[in-house]
C-alpha atoms as a PDB file:
ATOM      1  CA  MET A   1      50.383  18.952 -28.872  1.00  0.00           C
ATOM      2  CA  SER A   2      47.557  21.198 -29.386  1.00  0.00           C
ATOM      3  CA  ARG A   3      46.549  22.191 -32.822  1.00  0.00           C
ATOM      4  CA  ILE A   4      47.739  25.915 -32.440  1.00  0.00           C
ATOM      5  CA  SER A   5      51.259  24.520 -31.723  1.00  0.00           C
ATOM      6  CA  VAL A   6      51.622  22.115 -34.807  1.00  0.00           C
ATOM      7  CA  ARG A   7      50.333  24.516 -37.402  1.00  0.00           C
ATOM      8  CA  GLY A   8      52.805  27.125 -35.472  1.00  0.00           C
ATOM      9  CA  PHE A   9      55.645  24.425 -35.574  1.00  0.00           C
ATOM     10  CA  ALA A  10      54.742  23.968 -39.791  1.00  0.00           C
ATOM     11  CA  VAL A  11      54.701  27.575 -40.711  1.00  0.00           C
ATOM     12  CA  ALA A  12      58.201  27.525 -38.704  1.00  0.00           C
ATOM     13  CA  SER A  13      59.462  24.672 -41.181  1.00  0.00           C
ATOM     14  CA  ALA A  14      57.917  25.964 -43.961  1.00  0.00           C
ATOM     15  CA  THR A  15      59.767  29.381 -43.572  1.00  0.00           C
ATOM     16  CA  ALA A  16      62.736  27.819 -42.822  1.00  0.00           C
ATOM     17  CA  VAL A  17      62.896  25.696 -45.513  1.00  0.00           C
ATOM     18  CA  THR A  18      62.254  28.597 -47.667  1.00  0.00           C
ATOM     19  CA  THR A  19      65.116  30.835 -46.379  1.00  0.00           C
ATOM     20  CA  VAL A  20      67.401  28.169 -46.855  1.00  0.00           C
ATOM     21  CA  GLY A  21      66.365  27.577 -50.604  1.00  0.00           C
ATOM     22  CA  ALA A  22      66.980  31.317 -51.369  1.00  0.00           C
ATOM     23  CA  VAL A  23      70.622  31.182 -50.077  1.00  0.00           C
ATOM     24  CA  VAL A  24      71.030  28.048 -52.013  1.00  0.00           C
ATOM     25  CA  GLY A  25      69.801  29.734 -55.231  1.00  0.00           C
ATOM     26  CA  VAL A  26      72.034  33.110 -54.373  1.00  0.00           C
ATOM     27  CA  ALA A  27      74.815  30.796 -54.228  1.00  0.00           C
ATOM     28  CA  SER A  28      74.554  28.968 -57.665  1.00  0.00           C
ATOM     29  CA  GLY A  29      74.088  32.132 -59.069  1.00  0.00           C
ATOM     30  CA  SER A  30      70.490  31.791 -59.531  1.00  0.00           C
ATOM     31  CA  THR A  31      67.872  33.749 -58.990  1.00  0.00           C
ATOM     32  CA  PRO A  32      65.109  32.117 -56.945  1.00  0.00           C
ATOM     33  CA  ALA A  33      61.287  32.932 -57.721  1.00  0.00           C
ATOM     34  CA  VAL A  34      60.465  34.830 -54.797  1.00  0.00           C
ATOM     35  CA  ASP A  35      56.127  34.917 -54.894  1.00  0.00           C
ATOM     36  CA  ASP A  36      55.983  38.255 -52.450  1.00  0.00           C
ATOM     37  CA  ASN A  37      52.603  37.421 -51.588  1.00  0.00           C
ATOM     38  CA  ASN A  38      53.171  33.894 -50.170  1.00  0.00           C
ATOM     39  CA  PHE A  39      56.341  35.482 -48.219  1.00  0.00           C
ATOM     40  CA  GLU A  40      54.194  37.960 -46.898  1.00  0.00           C
ATOM     41  CA  ALA A  41      51.542  35.751 -45.633  1.00  0.00           C
ATOM     42  CA  THR A  42      53.851  32.975 -44.056  1.00  0.00           C
ATOM     43  CA  ALA A  43      55.604  35.496 -42.466  1.00  0.00           C
ATOM     44  CA  ALA A  44      52.289  37.353 -41.156  1.00  0.00           C
ATOM     45  CA  ASP A  45      51.219  33.969 -39.548  1.00  0.00           C
ATOM     46  CA  THR A  46      54.553  33.326 -37.907  1.00  0.00           C
ATOM     47  CA  THR A  47      54.314  36.154 -36.536  1.00  0.00           C
ATOM     48  CA  LEU A  48      50.995  35.937 -35.520  1.00  0.00           C
ATOM     49  CA  LEU A  49      51.704  32.729 -33.717  1.00  0.00           C
ATOM     50  CA  ALA A  50      54.338  34.185 -32.299  1.00  0.00           C
ATOM     51  CA  ASP A  51      52.735  36.476 -30.482  1.00  0.00           C
ATOM     52  CA  ILE A  52      50.209  33.857 -28.929  1.00  0.00           C
ATOM     53  CA  PRO A  53      51.000  34.070 -24.894  1.00  0.00           C
ATOM     54  CA  ALA A  54      52.626  30.613 -24.132  1.00  0.00           C
ATOM     55  CA  GLY A  55      49.352  30.041 -21.724  1.00  0.00           C
ATOM     56  CA  GLN A  56      46.617  29.875 -24.069  1.00  0.00           C
ATOM     57  CA  GLN A  57      47.191  26.311 -24.456  1.00  0.00           C
ATOM     58  CA  ALA A  58      46.036  25.976 -20.726  1.00  0.00           C
ATOM     59  CA  GLN A  59      43.523  28.385 -21.215  1.00  0.00           C
ATOM     60  CA  VAL A  60      42.026  26.342 -23.809  1.00  0.00           C
ATOM     61  CA  GLN A  61      42.470  22.905 -21.967  1.00  0.00           C
ATOM     62  CA  THR A  62      40.645  24.670 -19.240  1.00  0.00           C
ATOM     63  CA  ALA A  63      37.830  25.494 -21.134  1.00  0.00           C
ATOM     64  CA  SER A  64      37.499  22.098 -22.854  1.00  0.00           C
ATOM     65  CA  LEU A  65      37.647  20.566 -19.014  1.00  0.00           C
ATOM     66  CA  THR A  66      34.841  22.801 -18.170  1.00  0.00           C
ATOM     67  CA  GLN A  67      32.659  22.018 -21.257  1.00  0.00           C
ATOM     68  CA  GLN A  68      33.479  18.161 -20.259  1.00  0.00           C
ATOM     69  CA  ALA A  69      32.235  18.775 -16.452  1.00  0.00           C
ATOM     70  CA  ASP A  70      28.974  20.757 -17.850  1.00  0.00           C
ATOM     71  CA  ALA A  71      28.276  17.942 -19.810  1.00  0.00           C
ATOM     72  CA  GLN A  72      28.696  15.639 -17.217  1.00  0.00           C
ATOM     73  CA  ALA A  73      26.498  18.093 -15.079  1.00  0.00           C
ATOM     74  CA  SER A  74      23.527  17.644 -17.557  1.00  0.00           C
ATOM     75  CA  ALA A  75      23.680  14.095 -17.475  1.00  0.00           C
ATOM     76  CA  ALA A  76      23.522  13.660 -14.066  1.00  0.00           C
ATOM     77  CA  ASP A  77      20.727  15.852 -13.651  1.00  0.00           C
ATOM     78  CA  ALA A  78      18.721  14.190 -16.440  1.00  0.00           C
ATOM     79  CA  THR A  79      19.334  10.852 -14.594  1.00  0.00           C
ATOM     80  CA  ALA A  80      18.338  12.504 -11.319  1.00  0.00           C
ATOM     81  CA  LYS A  81      15.354  13.645 -12.734  1.00  0.00           C
ATOM     82  CA  LYS A  82      14.379  10.513 -14.265  1.00  0.00           C
ATOM     83  CA  SER A  83      14.827   8.434 -11.050  1.00  0.00           C
ATOM     84  CA  ALA A  84      13.106  11.050  -9.285  1.00  0.00           C
ATOM     85  CA  GLU A  85      10.036  10.735 -11.953  1.00  0.00           C
ATOM     86  CA  GLU A  86      10.444   6.604 -11.727  1.00  0.00           C
ATOM     87  CA  SER A  87      10.428   7.132  -7.934  1.00  0.00           C
ATOM     88  CA  ALA A  88       7.171   9.073  -8.277  1.00  0.00           C
ATOM     89  CA  ARG A  89       5.603   7.005 -10.427  1.00  0.00           C
ATOM     90  CA  VAL A  90       6.046   4.094  -8.371  1.00  0.00           C
ATOM     91  CA  GLN A  91       5.062   5.924  -5.622  1.00  0.00           C
ATOM     92  CA  ALA A  92       1.872   6.838  -7.041  1.00  0.00           C
ATOM     93  CA  ALA A  93       1.050   3.390  -8.125  1.00  0.00           C
ATOM     94  CA  LYS A  94       1.399   2.214  -4.063  1.00  0.00           C
ATOM     95  CA  ASP A  95      -0.845   5.241  -3.071  1.00  0.00           C
ATOM     96  CA  ALA A  96      -3.435   4.082  -5.817  1.00  0.00           C
ATOM     97  CA  LYS A  97      -3.281   0.309  -4.863  1.00  0.00           C
ATOM     98  CA  SER A  98      -3.889   1.485  -1.203  1.00  0.00           C
ATOM     99  CA  LYS A  99      -6.628   3.524  -1.662  1.00  0.00           C
ATOM    100  CA  LYS A 100      -8.134   0.811  -3.668  1.00  0.00           C
ATOM    101  CA  GLN A 101      -7.684  -1.618  -1.260  1.00  0.00           C
ATOM    102  CA  ALA A 102      -9.494   1.017   1.198  1.00  0.00           C
ATOM    103  CA  ALA A 103     -12.262   1.599  -0.625  1.00  0.00           C
ATOM    104  CA  GLU A 104     -12.806  -2.315  -1.024  1.00  0.00           C
ATOM    105  CA  ASP A 105     -12.177  -2.650   2.589  1.00  0.00           C
ATOM    106  CA  ARG A 106     -14.655  -0.132   3.585  1.00  0.00           C
ATOM    107  CA  LEU A 107     -17.450  -1.592   0.929  1.00  0.00           C
ATOM    108  CA  GLU A 108     -16.978  -5.091   2.443  1.00  0.00           C
ATOM    109  CA  LYS A 109     -17.575  -4.009   5.781  1.00  0.00           C
ATOM    110  CA  GLU A 110     -20.475  -2.034   4.559  1.00  0.00           C
ATOM    111  CA  ARG A 111     -21.852  -5.001   3.192  1.00  0.00           C
ATOM    112  CA  GLN A 112     -21.304  -6.705   5.943  1.00  0.00           C
ATOM    113  CA  GLU A 113     -23.117  -4.792   8.242  1.00  0.00           C
ATOM    114  CA  LYS A 114     -25.764  -4.466   5.958  1.00  0.00           C
ATOM    115  CA  GLN A 115     -26.007  -8.249   6.129  1.00  0.00           C
ATOM    116  CA  ASP A 116     -25.440  -8.617   9.490  1.00  0.00           C
ATOM    117  CA  ARG A 117     -28.650  -6.139  10.092  1.00  0.00           C
ATOM    118  CA  ALA A 118     -30.847  -7.983   7.758  1.00  0.00           C
ATOM    119  CA  GLU A 119     -30.140 -11.277   9.948  1.00  0.00           C
ATOM    120  CA  ARG A 120     -31.039  -9.593  13.060  1.00  0.00           C
ATOM    121  CA  ALA A 121     -34.002  -8.273  11.949  1.00  0.00           C
ATOM    122  CA  SER A 122     -34.584 -11.641  10.271  1.00  0.00           C
ATOM    123  CA  ARG A 123     -34.597 -12.968  13.682  1.00  0.00           C
ATOM    124  CA  SER A 124     -36.346 -10.829  15.510  1.00  0.00           C
ATOM    125  CA  GLU A 125     -39.240 -11.334  12.760  1.00  0.00           C
ATOM    126  CA  VAL A 126     -39.031 -15.152  13.301  1.00  0.00           C
ATOM    127  CA  ARG A 127     -39.389 -14.674  16.889  1.00  0.00           C
ATOM    128  CA  SER A 128     -41.668 -12.094  17.247  1.00  0.00           C
ATOM    129  CA  THR A 129     -44.017 -14.265  14.646  1.00  0.00           C
ATOM    130  CA  ALA A 130     -43.179 -17.638  16.142  1.00  0.00           C
ATOM    131  CA  SER A 131     -46.296 -19.156  17.896  1.00  0.00           C
ATOM    132  CA  PHE A 132     -46.356 -22.460  19.814  1.00  0.00           C
ATOM    133  CA  ALA A 133     -49.240 -24.305  21.521  1.00  0.00           C
ATOM    134  CA  THR A 134     -48.774 -23.818  25.065  1.00  0.00           C
ATOM    135  CA  GLN A 135     -48.378 -26.890  26.992  1.00  0.00           C
ATOM    136  CA  SER A 136     -47.977 -28.194  30.468  1.00  0.00           C
ATOM    137  CA  SER A 137     -44.574 -29.633  30.037  1.00  0.00           C
ATOM    138  CA  TYR A 138     -42.205 -30.023  27.158  1.00  0.00           C
ATOM    139  CA  THR A 139     -39.621 -32.520  26.317  1.00  0.00           C
ATOM    140  CA  VAL A 140     -36.011 -32.062  25.143  1.00  0.00           C
ATOM    141  CA  ALA A 141     -36.659 -32.414  21.436  1.00  0.00           C
ATOM    142  CA  GLU A 142     -39.596 -30.070  21.842  1.00  0.00           C
ATOM    143  CA  VAL A 143     -37.511 -27.440  23.584  1.00  0.00           C
ATOM    144  CA  GLN A 144     -34.618 -28.012  20.563  1.00  0.00           C
ATOM    145  CA  ALA A 145     -37.631 -28.120  17.631  1.00  0.00           C
ATOM    146  CA  MET A 146     -38.524 -24.648  18.956  1.00  0.00           C
ATOM    147  CA  ALA A 147     -34.950 -23.108  18.984  1.00  0.00           C
ATOM    148  CA  ARG A 148     -34.673 -24.214  15.925  1.00  0.00           C
ATOM    149  CA  GLN A 149     -37.608 -22.695  14.554  1.00  0.00           C
ATOM    150  CA  MET A 150     -36.354 -19.336  16.093  1.00  0.00           C
ATOM    151  CA  ILE A 151     -32.454 -19.448  15.515  1.00  0.00           C
ATOM    152  CA  PRO A 152     -30.791 -18.941  12.633  1.00  0.00           C
ATOM    153  CA  GLY A 153     -29.339 -22.084  11.442  1.00  0.00           C
ATOM    154  CA  ASP A 154     -26.244 -20.610  11.228  1.00  0.00           C
ATOM    155  CA  GLN A 155     -26.201 -19.952  14.876  1.00  0.00           C
ATOM    156  CA  PHE A 156     -28.103 -22.548  15.974  1.00  0.00           C
ATOM    157  CA  GLN A 157     -25.326 -24.783  16.885  1.00  0.00           C
ATOM    158  CA  CYS A 158     -23.353 -22.322  18.610  1.00  0.00           C
ATOM    159  CA  PHE A 159     -26.852 -21.726  20.905  1.00  0.00           C
ATOM    160  CA  SER A 160     -27.233 -25.153  21.475  1.00  0.00           C
ATOM    161  CA  ASN A 161     -23.448 -25.351  22.821  1.00  0.00           C
ATOM    162  CA  ILE A 162     -24.229 -23.104  25.299  1.00  0.00           C
ATOM    163  CA  VAL A 163     -27.398 -24.410  26.606  1.00  0.00           C
ATOM    164  CA  ASN A 164     -25.962 -27.708  26.501  1.00  0.00           C
ATOM    165  CA  HIS A 165     -23.340 -26.543  29.221  1.00  0.00           C
ATOM    166  CA  GLU A 166     -25.921 -24.536  30.802  1.00  0.00           C
ATOM    167  CA  SER A 167     -29.168 -26.220  31.384  1.00  0.00           C
ATOM    168  CA  SER A 168     -28.867 -29.308  29.705  1.00  0.00           C
ATOM    169  CA  TRP A 169     -31.920 -28.160  27.619  1.00  0.00           C
ATOM    170  CA  ASN A 170     -34.097 -28.448  30.845  1.00  0.00           C
ATOM    171  CA  TYR A 171     -36.505 -24.865  30.504  1.00  0.00           C
ATOM    172  CA  ARG A 172     -36.652 -25.818  34.488  1.00  0.00           C
ATOM    173  CA  ALA A 173     -33.104 -25.989  35.542  1.00  0.00           C
ATOM    174  CA  SER A 174     -32.653 -23.408  38.435  1.00  0.00           C
ATOM    175  CA  ASN A 175     -29.335 -23.030  40.413  1.00  0.00           C
ATOM    176  CA  ALA A 176     -30.284 -22.705  44.246  1.00  0.00           C
ATOM    177  CA  SER A 177     -26.936 -20.930  44.843  1.00  0.00           C
ATOM    178  CA  SER A 178     -26.881 -18.318  42.269  1.00  0.00           C
ATOM    179  CA  GLY A 179     -30.982 -17.524  41.111  1.00  0.00           C
ATOM    180  CA  ALA A 180     -29.975 -18.490  37.564  1.00  0.00           C
ATOM    181  CA  TYR A 181     -33.190 -20.125  35.871  1.00  0.00           C
ATOM    182  CA  GLY A 182     -34.078 -21.807  32.543  1.00  0.00           C
ATOM    183  CA  LEU A 183     -32.171 -23.023  29.257  1.00  0.00           C
ATOM    184  CA  VAL A 184     -29.819 -20.160  29.199  1.00  0.00           C
ATOM    185  CA  GLN A 185     -29.191 -19.706  33.161  1.00  0.00           C
ATOM    186  CA  ALA A 186     -30.465 -16.140  33.218  1.00  0.00           C
ATOM    187  CA  LEU A 187     -29.609 -14.740  36.692  1.00  0.00           C
ATOM    188  CA  PRO A 188     -31.625 -13.598  37.932  1.00  0.00           C
ATOM    189  CA  GLY A 189     -34.531 -15.500  36.270  1.00  0.00           C
ATOM    190  CA  SER A 190     -36.464 -12.505  36.558  1.00  0.00           C
ATOM    191  CA  LYS A 191     -34.845 -10.716  33.706  1.00  0.00           C
ATOM    192  CA  MET A 192     -36.677 -13.167  31.319  1.00  0.00           C
ATOM    193  CA  ALA A 193     -39.908 -11.349  32.388  1.00  0.00           C
ATOM    194  CA  SER A 194     -39.094  -8.621  29.461  1.00  0.00           C
ATOM    195  CA  ALA A 195     -39.615 -11.498  26.872  1.00  0.00           C
ATOM    196  CA  GLY A 196     -42.853 -12.612  28.591  1.00  0.00           C
ATOM    197  CA  ALA A 197     -44.452 -13.113  31.838  1.00  0.00           C
ATOM    198  CA  ASP A 198     -44.598 -17.206  31.195  1.00  0.00           C
ATOM    199  CA  TRP A 199     -41.108 -17.121  31.612  1.00  0.00           C
ATOM    200  CA  GLN A 200     -40.831 -19.776  33.871  1.00  0.00           C
ATOM    201  CA  THR A 201     -42.990 -22.559  32.530  1.00  0.00           C
ATOM    202  CA  ASN A 202     -42.779 -21.854  28.919  1.00  0.00           C
ATOM    203  CA  PRO A 203     -39.160 -22.505  26.614  1.00  0.00           C
ATOM    204  CA  ALA A 204     -40.052 -20.314  23.745  1.00  0.00           C
ATOM    205  CA  THR A 205     -40.029 -17.043  25.929  1.00  0.00           C
ATOM    206  CA  GLN A 206     -36.677 -17.985  27.243  1.00  0.00           C
ATOM    207  CA  ILE A 207     -35.295 -19.359  23.821  1.00  0.00           C
ATOM    208  CA  LYS A 208     -36.685 -15.582  22.588  1.00  0.00           C
ATOM    209  CA  TRP A 209     -34.925 -13.855  25.639  1.00  0.00           C
ATOM    210  CA  GLY A 210     -31.759 -15.711  25.474  1.00  0.00           C
ATOM    211  CA  LEU A 211     -31.451 -14.960  21.763  1.00  0.00           C
ATOM    212  CA  ASN A 212     -31.983 -11.209  22.699  1.00  0.00           C
ATOM    213  CA  TYR A 213     -29.128 -11.292  25.251  1.00  0.00           C
ATOM    214  CA  MET A 214     -26.932 -13.179  22.934  1.00  0.00           C
ATOM    215  CA  ASP A 215     -27.169 -10.739  20.164  1.00  0.00           C
ATOM    216  CA  SER A 216     -27.296  -7.399  22.245  1.00  0.00           C
ATOM    217  CA  ARG A 217     -24.105  -8.340  24.236  1.00  0.00           C
ATOM    218  CA  TYR A 218     -21.770 -10.731  22.067  1.00  0.00           C
ATOM    219  CA  GLY A 219     -23.313  -9.594  18.256  1.00  0.00           C
ATOM    220  CA  SER A 220     -24.643 -13.578  17.947  1.00  0.00           C
ATOM    221  CA  PRO A 221     -25.066 -16.824  19.850  1.00  0.00           C
ATOM    222  CA  CYS A 222     -21.740 -17.721  17.921  1.00  0.00           C
ATOM    223  CA  GLY A 223     -20.134 -14.597  19.791  1.00  0.00           C
ATOM    224  CA  ALA A 224     -21.317 -15.344  23.050  1.00  0.00           C
ATOM    225  CA  TRP A 225     -20.261 -19.324  22.505  1.00  0.00           C
ATOM    226  CA  SER A 226     -16.685 -17.980  21.578  1.00  0.00           C
ATOM    227  CA  PHE A 227     -16.684 -15.439  24.981  1.00  0.00           C
ATOM    228  CA  TRP A 228     -17.790 -18.752  26.821  1.00  0.00           C
ATOM    229  CA  GLN A 229     -15.075 -21.121  25.464  1.00  0.00           C
ATOM    230  CA  ALA A 230     -12.562 -18.785  27.250  1.00  0.00           C
ATOM    231  CA  ASN A 231     -14.051 -17.845  30.149  1.00  0.00           C
ATOM    232  CA  SER A 232     -16.976 -20.101  30.977  1.00  0.00           C
ATOM    233  CA  TRP A 233     -19.227 -18.180  31.074  1.00  0.00           C
ATOM    234  CA  TYR A 234     -21.189 -15.661  29.167  1.00  0.00           C
END
């Protein structure tokens, strides 16, 4: 029951009691003291409540439900906004992390490229300044000693693996069927003339050419060795 209906019931009851009291007073021969003001106010209230349309309670209830719905909608909007803000924050953090990783990868790549250029330049400098006394012949140990002086330490084993398979460190090795020649079996052997006119008899010239070939085509002797392992040629 709404507040209006309860108050109406209370006023109506008070009015009925007052009326009964007046009748009883008259019957007993006493004159009841009637407060004109209270009576008029009570009558006015009763008349006012009586004039309220019966459907007003439904309107009040509808208005209350509308307010509740509005409050719930506002709460839902606030929750959705908070969720969207959290999602945006998480995505921003992911994007920042991705950008940071990309920047670090780029710097690492640039560093590696710089290091590779420096190593290639160093190898080139070693090859260009290497000086070996010309001999009529060279032992395997002497040829390997030349190679160790001309090739960076971290690349020597890969270079040695290829030479072992191609010529067994014989700088005069020749393939009669293909025309390949020397330590690294250049095909044809005359290609090594770009490193020196003595390519047929000087192991240092052959090493110089072979290292240039591996660097230019595979990036390094180890790159050439990886290819050789997969294909049995390079």
